[in-house]
Amino acid sequence: MAAFNHEETEGQQFVEEIDCNEIQVKECVGEGSFGVVYRAVWRDINVAVKNITTEAEKKAFAVEVRQLSRVSHENIVRLYGACTKGPYICLVMEYAEGGSLFNILHSPPKVRYTIDHALSWALQCAQGVAYLHSMKPKPLIHRDLKPPNLLLIDGGTKLKICDFGTAADKSTYMTNNKGSAAWMAPEVFTSSNYTEKCDVFSWGIILWEVLSRRKPFYHIGGSAFRIMWAVHKGIRPPLIRNCPPLLENLMTQCWDQNPINRPSMSQVEEIMSKLCQVFTDANEPVQCFEEYYEEEQEEDTYADNIQQSFVSNSTQNSQRQITLPQPNPQVITPLSVEVDPHAWDIEEYSDMELRTMAGFDKMVPKKGTTNTVQASVQSSANVSSSPVPPDPDLDNMHLLLDAHLRPATPDEHDPRSMALFEEHKQLAQEYLKVQTELAYLEQRKAKLQEAQSLEQQRRRQTIEQLQSEKESLILLRESLQRQKEQLNSNAGRRQSDGWVIVSRQNSM
């Protein structure tokens, strides 16, 4: 059980200290980004209890307590209080009987919903995020917006944003790139200093997801690094066939590569509010709605035939149905954005080089000509002689893995369990290291291929230019030859025409 530092929550005057003896735990309902979630009863109401077991989870716990204590909005999950003084450390929050939006979209049994529900969910998410961005004196950036963190209640008609373990003040220097790759803005994993526009990017991906009912970047597959590389290169989910231009333009503006070009969340909220005035059936409960809670488990397969309908009411109260079929990735061309091939060659890092460290590569100042292979050999040779102090960032590196690859929460009272946990963390670090090296090699390969292609293109252009000059010279030669022959012919005719020139004096 993780020890809790009470000074971390000191000053959180709006967080009630709850006696853990008042909580009656019923059953485990899932696992969030940190901590195991249980359904429980507290003071005769159903609550969600997020239990904390490790030191890494404790850090996220302190962040979520601090951030949830500042907010009060109908589209943000309510915090009832926290247990910090008893044998258990936990967060007591509002319970969402509908589970996560991710489960509604992708988990069995398939739930039927209309375009009214989809746009209402997107609007409610935008309203909650716009509220966070407008907070004073320090706006909040969620940084981990995705359907698993959007909970549903009241038959799937009301949406609540949860999981503030990665939320940050706008003025905070963000050095940890947390979140999920499929919904993550490119500036989040390419830099450590970004704005609230990263939430706008995530919202654009969520809008595409609720309309298409497909997991974003399903056509890419593989690890999170492949998705991040694709996003960095400007690749986005394929555009939806028959999608209204208003929604398509809003979607593509939100996931624009340049954060400056993205609209603010308040502008998104305004557009969606006007749009939802046309779709008025969002208060109807979704069909086949069942109780299941958030579980960050992602399927590897997708439904092949998915169709969503837009239903609108005319002035005569008649209904008209417009189908929104799932696009075929082989037919629909994904959004293509030109990316500078030298975008990674940033001047401010010209004095840095890539060095191999235990479990991960990092950028360090240039102090010599030792390459990464030599650094790796030297590092392994000096392990026994000079112990390396633990790096807290590396120690938490396994949290960046997909849910099914993360080490299971260990039993801290069992040495074998802790040993397995540490071994799994080391393997996770090695795995991330290999993935990073693969991404670097792919980048290097692409640069070499591009350089080779440019050289071949230059050679081809030179050959074509020389060939054109050769043809021009041949034509010139033929033209000069014809002129010469014509001049010779004219000279011969003047000598044999039979005329005699007589002077005027002889004729007198």
Protein backbone atom coordinates (compact mmCIF):
# COMPACT_ATOMS: atom_id res chain seq x y z
CA MET A 1 0.00 0.00 0.00
CA ALA A 2 1.40 3.32 -0.99
CA ALA A 3 2.11 5.76 1.79
CA PHE A 4 0.40 9.10 1.37
CA ASN A 5 1.89 12.46 2.16
CA HIS A 6 -0.87 14.54 3.72
CA GLU A 7 1.02 17.73 2.91
CA GLU A 8 0.27 17.10 -0.76
CA THR A 9 -3.43 17.69 -0.19
CA GLU A 10 -3.03 20.33 2.45
CA GLY A 11 -4.85 23.42 1.33
CA GLN A 12 -7.49 21.47 -0.59
CA GLN A 13 -10.27 22.90 1.51
CA PHE A 14 -13.08 21.65 -0.70
CA VAL A 15 -12.14 17.96 -0.53
CA GLU A 16 -13.98 16.11 2.20
CA GLU A 17 -12.04 13.55 4.19
CA ILE A 18 -14.14 10.39 4.05
CA ASP A 19 -13.95 7.65 6.64
CA CYS A 20 -13.16 4.43 4.79
CA ASN A 21 -15.40 2.53 7.24
CA GLU A 22 -18.40 4.31 5.72
CA ILE A 23 -17.71 2.79 2.31
CA GLN A 24 -19.19 -0.57 1.39
CA VAL A 25 -17.30 -1.95 -1.60
CA LYS A 26 -19.48 -4.04 -3.92
CA GLU A 27 -17.43 -5.19 -6.91
CA CYS A 28 -14.52 -4.28 -9.13
CA VAL A 29 -15.76 -2.57 -12.27
CA GLY A 30 -12.52 -1.80 -14.11
CA GLU A 31 -9.17 -0.07 -14.06
CA GLY A 32 -8.51 3.51 -15.08
CA SER A 33 -5.30 5.25 -16.11
CA PHE A 34 -4.25 4.83 -12.51
CA GLY A 35 -5.80 2.78 -9.74
CA VAL A 36 -8.41 0.05 -9.66
CA VAL A 37 -12.06 1.23 -9.75
CA TYR A 38 -14.77 -0.33 -7.59
CA ARG A 39 -18.48 0.26 -7.31
CA ALA A 40 -19.35 1.00 -3.71
CA VAL A 41 -22.08 2.44 -1.53
CA TRP A 42 -21.41 5.51 0.60
CA ARG A 43 -24.19 7.18 2.56
CA ASP A 44 -26.83 5.24 0.61
CA ILE A 45 -25.61 6.35 -2.82
CA ASN A 46 -23.63 4.48 -5.46
CA VAL A 47 -20.11 5.83 -5.83
CA ALA A 48 -16.99 4.94 -7.78
CA VAL A 49 -13.99 4.29 -5.56
CA LYS A 50 -10.57 4.49 -7.18
CA ASN A 51 -8.10 2.60 -5.00
CA ILE A 52 -4.41 3.56 -4.97
CA THR A 53 -1.77 0.86 -4.54
CA THR A 54 1.61 2.11 -5.89
CA GLU A 55 3.78 5.18 -5.56
CA ALA A 56 3.34 6.05 -9.24
CA GLU A 57 -0.45 5.98 -8.82
CA LYS A 58 -0.13 8.18 -5.75
CA LYS A 59 1.33 11.01 -7.85
CA ALA A 60 -1.57 10.87 -10.28
CA PHE A 61 -3.95 10.62 -7.31
CA ALA A 62 -2.63 13.88 -5.85
CA VAL A 63 -3.06 15.59 -9.26
CA GLU A 64 -6.64 14.38 -9.64
CA VAL A 65 -7.60 15.45 -6.10
CA ARG A 66 -6.12 18.89 -6.68
CA GLN A 67 -7.79 19.39 -10.06
CA LEU A 68 -11.22 17.94 -9.26
CA SER A 69 -11.39 20.10 -6.14
CA ARG A 70 -11.31 23.17 -8.41
CA VAL A 71 -14.07 22.19 -10.80
CA SER A 72 -17.85 22.05 -10.66
CA HIS A 73 -19.61 21.38 -13.95
CA GLU A 74 -22.44 19.15 -15.08
CA ASN A 75 -20.20 17.47 -17.66
CA ILE A 76 -17.34 16.72 -15.27
CA VAL A 77 -17.48 13.82 -12.85
CA ARG A 78 -18.18 14.97 -9.30
CA LEU A 79 -15.66 14.39 -6.51
CA TYR A 80 -17.27 13.53 -3.18
CA GLY A 81 -14.06 13.25 -1.21
CA ALA A 82 -10.95 11.17 -0.54
CA CYS A 83 -9.70 8.68 2.02
CA THR A 84 -6.15 9.52 3.08
CA LYS A 85 -6.02 8.69 6.80
CA GLY A 86 -7.19 5.11 6.89
CA PRO A 87 -5.56 1.86 5.80
CA TYR A 88 -6.75 2.53 2.24
CA ILE A 89 -5.99 5.49 0.00
CA CYS A 90 -8.79 6.11 -2.44
CA LEU A 91 -10.81 8.66 -4.34
CA VAL A 92 -14.62 8.68 -3.94
CA MET A 93 -16.38 10.00 -7.04
CA GLU A 94 -19.69 10.05 -8.81
CA TYR A 95 -20.63 6.63 -10.23
CA ALA A 96 -21.52 6.42 -13.92
CA GLU A 97 -23.70 3.38 -14.42
CA GLY A 98 -23.38 3.55 -18.22
CA GLY A 99 -19.63 3.04 -18.28
CA SER A 100 -17.38 4.72 -20.78
CA LEU A 101 -18.19 6.08 -24.21
CA PHE A 102 -15.48 3.76 -25.54
CA ASN A 103 -17.50 0.73 -24.43
CA ILE A 104 -20.65 2.10 -26.03
CA LEU A 105 -18.82 2.59 -29.33
CA HIS A 106 -16.71 -0.56 -29.53
CA SER A 107 -17.53 -3.19 -26.88
CA PRO A 108 -20.21 -5.88 -27.12
CA PRO A 109 -23.13 -5.89 -27.00
CA LYS A 110 -23.40 -3.36 -29.80
CA VAL A 111 -25.51 -0.41 -28.76
CA ARG A 112 -27.63 1.40 -31.34
CA TYR A 113 -27.45 5.17 -31.19
CA THR A 114 -28.41 7.98 -33.53
CA ILE A 115 -26.63 11.01 -34.89
CA ASP A 116 -28.50 13.00 -32.21
CA HIS A 117 -26.66 11.07 -29.51
CA ALA A 118 -23.29 11.33 -31.29
CA LEU A 119 -23.48 15.11 -31.66
CA SER A 120 -24.82 15.52 -28.13
CA TRP A 121 -21.87 13.57 -26.71
CA ALA A 122 -19.46 15.70 -28.71
CA LEU A 123 -21.19 18.89 -27.54
CA GLN A 124 -21.19 17.87 -23.86
CA CYS A 125 -17.49 16.98 -24.08
CA ALA A 126 -16.78 20.38 -25.66
CA GLN A 127 -18.78 22.13 -22.93
CA GLY A 128 -16.82 20.42 -20.17
CA VAL A 129 -13.45 21.12 -21.78
CA ALA A 130 -14.37 24.73 -22.58
CA TYR A 131 -15.19 25.15 -18.89
CA LEU A 132 -11.75 23.79 -17.94
CA HIS A 133 -10.00 26.11 -20.40
CA SER A 134 -11.88 29.14 -19.08
CA MET A 135 -11.01 28.61 -15.42
CA LYS A 136 -9.37 31.41 -13.48
CA PRO A 137 -6.71 32.21 -12.47
CA LYS A 138 -5.19 29.08 -14.02
CA PRO A 139 -6.98 27.29 -16.86
CA LEU A 140 -6.84 23.52 -16.84
CA ILE A 141 -5.67 21.34 -19.72
CA HIS A 142 -6.95 17.78 -19.52
CA ARG A 143 -4.27 16.29 -21.86
CA ASP A 144 -5.89 12.83 -21.96
CA LEU A 145 -9.24 13.30 -23.68
CA LYS A 146 -10.42 10.02 -25.16
CA PRO A 147 -13.63 7.93 -25.07
CA PRO A 148 -12.39 5.72 -22.18
CA ASN A 149 -12.30 8.90 -20.06
CA LEU A 150 -15.81 10.00 -21.03
CA LEU A 151 -18.46 8.37 -18.82
CA LEU A 152 -22.19 8.10 -19.51
CA ILE A 153 -25.22 8.21 -17.23
CA ASP A 154 -29.03 8.48 -17.58
CA GLY A 155 -29.32 5.86 -20.29
CA GLY A 156 -26.36 7.17 -22.22
CA THR A 157 -27.72 10.69 -22.65
CA LYS A 158 -25.45 12.55 -20.20
CA LEU A 159 -21.68 12.65 -20.51
CA LYS A 160 -19.10 13.18 -17.78
CA ILE A 161 -15.37 13.83 -18.21
CA CYS A 162 -13.18 11.90 -15.77
CA ASP A 163 -9.59 10.86 -15.09
CA PHE A 164 -7.72 14.05 -14.28
CA GLY A 165 -4.52 12.23 -13.36
CA THR A 166 -2.76 13.91 -16.29
CA ALA A 167 -4.45 17.32 -16.09
CA ALA A 168 -2.17 20.34 -15.80
CA ASP A 169 -2.40 24.06 -15.28
CA LYS A 170 -1.83 26.06 -18.45
CA SER A 171 1.08 27.85 -16.78
CA THR A 172 2.78 24.58 -15.81
CA TYR A 173 5.85 23.60 -17.79
CA MET A 174 4.77 20.23 -19.11
CA THR A 175 7.72 17.91 -19.23
CA ASN A 176 5.86 14.60 -19.19
CA ASN A 177 4.13 13.62 -22.41
CA LYS A 178 1.26 11.57 -21.08
CA GLY A 179 -1.94 10.44 -22.71
CA SER A 180 -2.92 8.01 -25.44
CA ALA A 181 -1.35 7.96 -28.88
CA ALA A 182 -4.48 7.70 -31.04
CA TRP A 183 -5.97 10.89 -29.58
CA MET A 184 -2.72 12.73 -28.81
CA ALA A 185 -1.83 15.97 -30.57
CA PRO A 186 1.53 15.90 -32.42
CA GLU A 187 3.01 18.71 -30.31
CA VAL A 188 2.43 16.67 -27.14
CA PHE A 189 4.94 13.97 -28.07
CA THR A 190 7.31 16.16 -30.09
CA SER A 191 7.77 18.82 -27.42
CA SER A 192 7.19 19.42 -23.73
CA ASN A 193 5.62 22.86 -24.03
CA TYR A 194 2.12 22.99 -25.50
CA THR A 195 -1.19 24.75 -24.99
CA GLU A 196 -4.85 23.91 -24.43
CA LYS A 197 -5.14 23.41 -28.21
CA CYS A 198 -3.94 19.83 -27.61
CA ASP A 199 -7.39 19.13 -26.11
CA VAL A 200 -9.00 20.56 -29.25
CA PHE A 201 -7.02 18.07 -31.37
CA SER A 202 -8.21 15.18 -29.16
CA TRP A 203 -11.80 16.41 -29.44
CA GLY A 204 -11.56 16.37 -33.25
CA ILE A 205 -10.47 12.73 -33.18
CA ILE A 206 -13.35 11.91 -30.78
CA LEU A 207 -15.84 13.58 -33.14
CA TRP A 208 -14.57 11.39 -35.99
CA GLU A 209 -14.83 8.32 -33.74
CA VAL A 210 -18.45 8.84 -32.65
CA LEU A 211 -19.51 9.50 -36.26
CA SER A 212 -17.64 6.58 -37.85
CA ARG A 213 -17.83 4.18 -34.89
CA ARG A 214 -14.29 3.12 -35.66
CA LYS A 215 -11.21 3.27 -33.49
CA PRO A 216 -8.91 6.03 -34.75
CA PHE A 217 -5.96 4.82 -36.84
CA TYR A 218 -7.38 1.30 -36.92
CA HIS A 219 -5.85 0.90 -40.38
CA ILE A 220 -2.33 1.46 -39.03
CA GLY A 221 -2.24 -1.03 -36.17
CA GLY A 222 0.92 -1.95 -34.31
CA SER A 223 2.38 -0.09 -31.38
CA ALA A 224 1.66 3.43 -30.20
CA PHE A 225 4.92 4.58 -31.78
CA ARG A 226 3.62 3.82 -35.29
CA ILE A 227 0.53 5.92 -34.62
CA MET A 228 2.58 8.80 -33.19
CA TRP A 229 4.88 8.72 -36.21
CA ALA A 230 1.89 8.75 -38.56
CA VAL A 231 0.37 11.73 -36.73
CA HIS A 232 3.69 13.55 -36.87
CA LYS A 233 3.82 12.99 -40.64
CA GLY A 234 0.37 14.57 -40.99
CA ILE A 235 -1.71 11.40 -41.40
CA ARG A 236 -5.24 11.56 -39.97
CA PRO A 237 -8.20 9.17 -39.89
CA PRO A 238 -9.85 8.78 -43.32
CA LEU A 239 -12.60 11.28 -44.04
CA ILE A 240 -16.14 9.96 -43.72
CA ARG A 241 -18.17 9.53 -46.88
CA ASN A 242 -21.36 11.65 -47.00
CA CYS A 243 -20.34 13.57 -43.88
CA PRO A 244 -21.92 17.07 -43.87
CA PRO A 245 -19.34 19.72 -44.87
CA LEU A 246 -19.89 21.66 -41.64
CA LEU A 247 -18.86 18.68 -39.50
CA GLU A 248 -16.02 17.69 -41.83
CA ASN A 249 -14.55 21.21 -41.83
CA LEU A 250 -14.82 21.46 -38.05
CA MET A 251 -13.19 18.07 -37.65
CA THR A 252 -10.24 18.83 -39.94
CA GLN A 253 -9.72 22.27 -38.40
CA CYS A 254 -9.54 20.72 -34.92
CA TRP A 255 -6.89 18.19 -35.91
CA ASP A 256 -4.82 20.66 -37.93
CA GLN A 257 -1.07 20.04 -37.59
CA ASN A 258 -0.49 23.63 -36.48
CA PRO A 259 -2.14 24.39 -33.10
CA ILE A 260 -2.55 28.05 -34.08
CA ASN A 261 -4.94 27.06 -36.87
CA ARG A 262 -7.22 25.08 -34.57
CA PRO A 263 -10.32 26.78 -33.16
CA SER A 264 -10.67 27.39 -29.44
CA MET A 265 -12.89 25.05 -27.48
CA SER A 266 -15.35 27.88 -26.86
CA GLN A 267 -15.70 28.30 -30.64
CA VAL A 268 -16.23 24.54 -30.99
CA GLU A 269 -18.88 24.68 -28.28
CA GLU A 270 -20.70 27.52 -30.07
CA ILE A 271 -20.77 25.67 -33.41
CA MET A 272 -21.92 22.41 -31.84
CA SER A 273 -24.62 24.15 -29.79
CA LYS A 274 -26.17 25.61 -32.95
CA LEU A 275 -25.88 22.29 -34.76
CA CYS A 276 -27.54 20.32 -31.94
CA GLN A 277 -30.58 22.59 -32.12
CA VAL A 278 -31.50 20.68 -35.30
CA PHE A 279 -31.00 17.22 -33.74
CA THR A 280 -33.40 17.18 -30.80
CA ASP A 281 -33.72 13.46 -29.96
CA ALA A 282 -30.55 13.18 -27.87
CA ASN A 283 -32.57 12.76 -24.66
CA GLU A 284 -33.91 9.41 -25.83
CA PRO A 285 -32.01 6.57 -24.07
CA VAL A 286 -29.79 4.55 -26.34
CA GLN A 287 -31.03 1.07 -27.19
CA CYS A 288 -29.69 -2.08 -25.51
CA PHE A 289 -28.02 0.04 -22.84
CA GLU A 290 -26.37 -2.15 -20.19
CA GLU A 291 -24.22 -1.51 -17.14
CA TYR A 292 -20.50 -1.82 -17.69
CA TYR A 293 -17.70 0.41 -16.56
CA GLU A 294 -14.50 1.75 -17.98
CA GLU A 295 -11.93 -0.84 -18.95
CA GLU A 296 -9.05 0.34 -21.07
CA GLN A 297 -8.97 -2.85 -23.11
CA GLU A 298 -8.94 -2.33 -26.87
CA GLU A 299 -10.10 -4.89 -29.41
CA ASP A 300 -7.90 -5.93 -32.30
CA THR A 301 -10.77 -6.39 -34.73
CA TYR A 302 -13.39 -4.06 -36.10
CA ALA A 303 -16.88 -4.45 -37.44
CA ASP A 304 -16.82 -4.45 -41.23
CA ASN A 305 -20.25 -3.06 -42.01
CA ILE A 306 -21.11 -0.09 -39.84
CA GLN A 307 -23.77 2.39 -40.81
CA GLN A 308 -24.97 5.46 -38.98
CA SER A 309 -27.99 7.54 -39.87
CA PHE A 310 -28.54 11.26 -39.74
CA VAL A 311 -32.14 12.00 -38.75
CA SER A 312 -33.51 15.53 -39.04
CA ASN A 313 -36.97 16.96 -38.56
CA SER A 314 -38.50 19.07 -41.34
CA THR A 315 -41.10 21.76 -40.90
CA GLN A 316 -43.82 19.20 -41.68
CA ASN A 317 -42.49 16.93 -38.89
CA SER A 318 -41.52 14.38 -41.52
CA GLN A 319 -38.29 12.44 -41.21
CA ARG A 320 -35.59 12.06 -43.76
CA GLN A 321 -32.73 9.60 -43.39
CA ILE A 322 -29.28 10.14 -44.81
CA THR A 323 -26.92 7.19 -44.52
CA LEU A 324 -23.41 7.70 -43.30
CA PRO A 325 -21.62 4.46 -44.31
CA GLN A 326 -18.23 3.45 -43.07
CA PRO A 327 -15.55 4.52 -45.59
CA ASN A 328 -13.47 1.89 -47.32
CA PRO A 329 -9.78 2.63 -46.55
CA GLN A 330 -8.83 1.37 -50.02
CA VAL A 331 -11.15 3.86 -51.72
CA ILE A 332 -11.07 6.93 -49.50
CA THR A 333 -7.81 8.86 -49.59
CA PRO A 334 -6.70 9.88 -46.08
CA LEU A 335 -6.03 13.49 -45.30
CA SER A 336 -2.57 14.35 -46.60
CA VAL A 337 -0.57 17.13 -45.02
CA GLU A 338 2.83 18.20 -46.36
CA VAL A 339 5.48 17.91 -43.67
CA ASP A 340 8.92 19.41 -43.91
CA PRO A 341 11.31 16.44 -44.27
CA HIS A 342 13.83 18.36 -42.17
CA ALA A 343 11.33 19.10 -39.41
CA TRP A 344 13.37 17.10 -36.92
CA ASP A 345 16.55 19.02 -37.71
CA ILE A 346 15.87 21.76 -35.19
CA GLU A 347 18.61 24.30 -34.69
CA GLU A 348 18.14 24.56 -30.96
CA TYR A 349 19.14 20.88 -30.69
CA SER A 350 22.15 21.18 -33.00
CA ASP A 351 24.43 20.88 -29.98
CA MET A 352 22.68 17.72 -28.84
CA GLU A 353 23.15 14.11 -29.84
CA LEU A 354 21.29 10.86 -29.35
CA ARG A 355 22.84 8.72 -26.61
CA THR A 356 21.79 5.24 -25.54
CA MET A 357 20.91 4.84 -21.88
CA ALA A 358 19.59 1.91 -19.91
CA GLY A 359 16.14 1.24 -21.28
CA PHE A 360 15.69 4.34 -23.45
CA ASP A 361 17.48 6.77 -25.75
CA LYS A 362 17.78 10.43 -24.79
CA MET A 363 19.25 13.68 -26.11
CA VAL A 364 22.38 14.84 -24.30
CA PRO A 365 24.95 17.63 -24.94
CA LYS A 366 27.76 16.71 -27.32
CA LYS A 367 30.94 16.08 -25.30
CA GLY A 368 32.86 13.99 -27.79
CA THR A 369 32.61 11.74 -30.79
CA THR A 370 31.38 8.63 -28.98
CA ASN A 371 28.52 7.16 -30.96
CA THR A 372 25.46 5.48 -29.53
CA VAL A 373 26.87 1.97 -29.98
CA GLN A 374 30.04 2.88 -28.10
CA ALA A 375 27.97 4.57 -25.42
CA SER A 376 25.91 1.42 -25.03
CA VAL A 377 29.03 -0.75 -24.70
CA GLN A 378 30.61 1.63 -22.23
CA SER A 379 27.40 1.79 -20.25
CA SER A 380 27.15 -1.99 -19.99
CA ALA A 381 30.84 -2.25 -19.11
CA ASN A 382 30.58 0.26 -16.28
CA VAL A 383 27.38 -1.10 -14.73
CA SER A 384 29.18 -3.22 -12.18
CA SER A 385 31.74 -0.56 -11.28
CA SER A 386 29.54 2.56 -11.03
CA PRO A 387 25.89 2.13 -9.98
CA VAL A 388 23.51 4.38 -11.88
CA PRO A 389 20.96 6.23 -9.75
CA PRO A 390 17.35 5.40 -10.67
CA ASP A 391 15.67 7.78 -13.09
CA PRO A 392 12.06 8.50 -12.03
CA ASP A 393 11.06 9.13 -15.66
CA LEU A 394 12.45 5.77 -16.73
CA ASP A 395 10.90 4.07 -13.74
CA ASN A 396 7.45 5.17 -14.93
CA MET A 397 8.17 4.47 -18.60
CA HIS A 398 5.99 1.35 -18.55
CA LEU A 399 2.93 3.58 -18.12
CA LEU A 400 3.34 4.66 -21.76
CA LEU A 401 2.65 1.13 -22.96
CA ASP A 402 -0.71 -0.07 -24.18
CA ALA A 403 -2.93 -1.40 -21.41
CA HIS A 404 -2.37 -5.07 -22.28
CA LEU A 405 1.44 -4.64 -22.16
CA ARG A 406 1.68 -2.84 -18.82
CA PRO A 407 2.95 -4.74 -15.78
CA ALA A 408 0.17 -5.95 -13.51
CA THR A 409 -0.14 -4.24 -10.14
CA PRO A 410 2.08 -6.26 -7.77
CA ASP A 411 1.50 -7.45 -4.25
CA GLU A 412 3.93 -5.31 -2.27
CA HIS A 413 4.02 -7.86 0.54
CA ASP A 414 5.19 -10.65 -1.78
CA PRO A 415 8.89 -10.41 -2.77
CA ARG A 416 8.36 -12.66 -5.79
CA SER A 417 5.53 -10.48 -7.03
CA MET A 418 7.66 -7.36 -6.65
CA ALA A 419 10.58 -9.07 -8.40
CA LEU A 420 8.35 -10.01 -11.33
CA PHE A 421 7.01 -6.45 -11.43
CA GLU A 422 10.52 -4.96 -11.57
CA GLU A 423 11.55 -7.46 -14.24
CA HIS A 424 8.47 -6.56 -16.30
CA LYS A 425 9.31 -2.87 -15.95
CA GLN A 426 12.84 -3.51 -17.22
CA LEU A 427 11.47 -5.45 -20.18
CA ALA A 428 9.05 -2.60 -20.86
CA GLN A 429 11.94 -0.13 -20.90
CA GLU A 430 13.87 -2.34 -23.33
CA TYR A 431 10.77 -2.67 -25.49
CA LEU A 432 10.33 1.11 -25.64
CA LYS A 433 14.01 1.48 -26.39
CA VAL A 434 13.76 -0.89 -29.36
CA GLN A 435 10.63 0.86 -30.61
CA THR A 436 12.39 4.22 -30.41
CA GLU A 437 15.41 2.88 -32.28
CA LEU A 438 13.09 1.46 -34.96
CA ALA A 439 11.38 4.82 -35.34
CA TYR A 440 14.78 6.53 -35.62
CA LEU A 441 15.96 4.01 -38.23
CA GLU A 442 12.73 4.42 -40.20
CA GLN A 443 13.30 8.16 -40.18
CA ARG A 444 16.90 7.69 -41.33
CA LYS A 445 15.77 5.25 -44.03
CA ALA A 446 13.18 7.72 -45.30
CA LYS A 447 15.81 10.49 -45.47
CA LEU A 448 18.22 8.27 -47.41
CA GLN A 449 15.49 7.17 -49.80
CA GLU A 450 14.48 10.77 -50.30
CA ALA A 451 18.08 11.81 -50.95
CA GLN A 452 18.48 8.93 -53.42
CA SER A 453 15.24 9.84 -55.12
CA LEU A 454 16.31 13.47 -55.45
CA GLU A 455 19.66 12.42 -56.95
CA GLN A 456 17.92 10.16 -59.45
CA GLN A 457 15.54 12.95 -60.32
CA ARG A 458 18.42 15.37 -60.89
CA ARG A 459 20.16 12.85 -63.15
CA ARG A 460 16.97 12.24 -65.11
CA GLN A 461 16.45 15.96 -65.55
CA THR A 462 20.06 16.39 -66.73
CA ILE A 463 19.65 13.58 -69.27
CA GLU A 464 16.39 15.05 -70.53
CA GLN A 465 17.98 18.48 -70.82
CA LEU A 466 20.98 17.13 -72.76
CA GLN A 467 18.68 15.11 -75.00
CA SER A 468 16.63 18.23 -75.72
CA GLU A 469 19.79 20.21 -76.52
CA LYS A 470 20.97 17.40 -78.83
CA GLU A 471 17.68 17.46 -80.75
CA SER A 472 17.85 21.24 -81.02
CA LEU A 473 21.41 21.08 -82.40
CA ILE A 474 20.39 18.42 -84.94
CA LEU A 475 17.55 20.64 -86.15
CA LEU A 476 19.90 23.60 -86.35
CA ARG A 477 22.40 21.57 -88.36
CA GLU A 478 19.71 20.46 -90.80
CA SER A 479 18.49 24.05 -91.17
CA LEU A 480 22.00 25.33 -91.88
CA GLN A 481 22.55 22.52 -94.35
CA ARG A 482 19.40 23.47 -96.26
CA GLN A 483 20.42 27.14 -96.29
CA LYS A 484 23.84 26.23 -97.66
CA GLU A 485 22.35 24.12 -100.42
CA GLN A 486 19.92 26.91 -101.32
CA LEU A 487 22.73 29.49 -101.53
CA ASN A 488 24.80 27.22 -103.78
CA SER A 489 21.77 26.65 -106.03
CA ASN A 490 21.10 30.40 -106.36
CA ALA A 491 24.73 31.11 -107.28
CA GLY A 492 24.65 28.51 -110.08
CA ARG A 493 21.48 30.00 -111.61
CA ARG A 494 23.00 33.51 -111.79
CA GLN A 495 25.99 32.21 -113.82
CA SER A 496 23.92 30.35 -116.49
CA ASP A 497 20.89 32.59 -117.16
CA GLY A 498 22.13 33.81 -120.74
CA TRP A 499 22.01 37.54 -120.12
CA VAL A 500 24.92 39.87 -121.21
CA ILE A 501 25.60 43.20 -119.60
CA VAL A 502 26.43 45.92 -122.16
CA SER A 503 27.78 49.30 -121.18
CA ARG A 504 25.87 52.39 -122.23
CA GLN A 505 28.88 53.84 -124.21
CA ASN A 506 29.02 50.84 -126.63
CA SER A 507 25.36 51.21 -127.44
CA MET A 508 25.72 54.83 -128.61
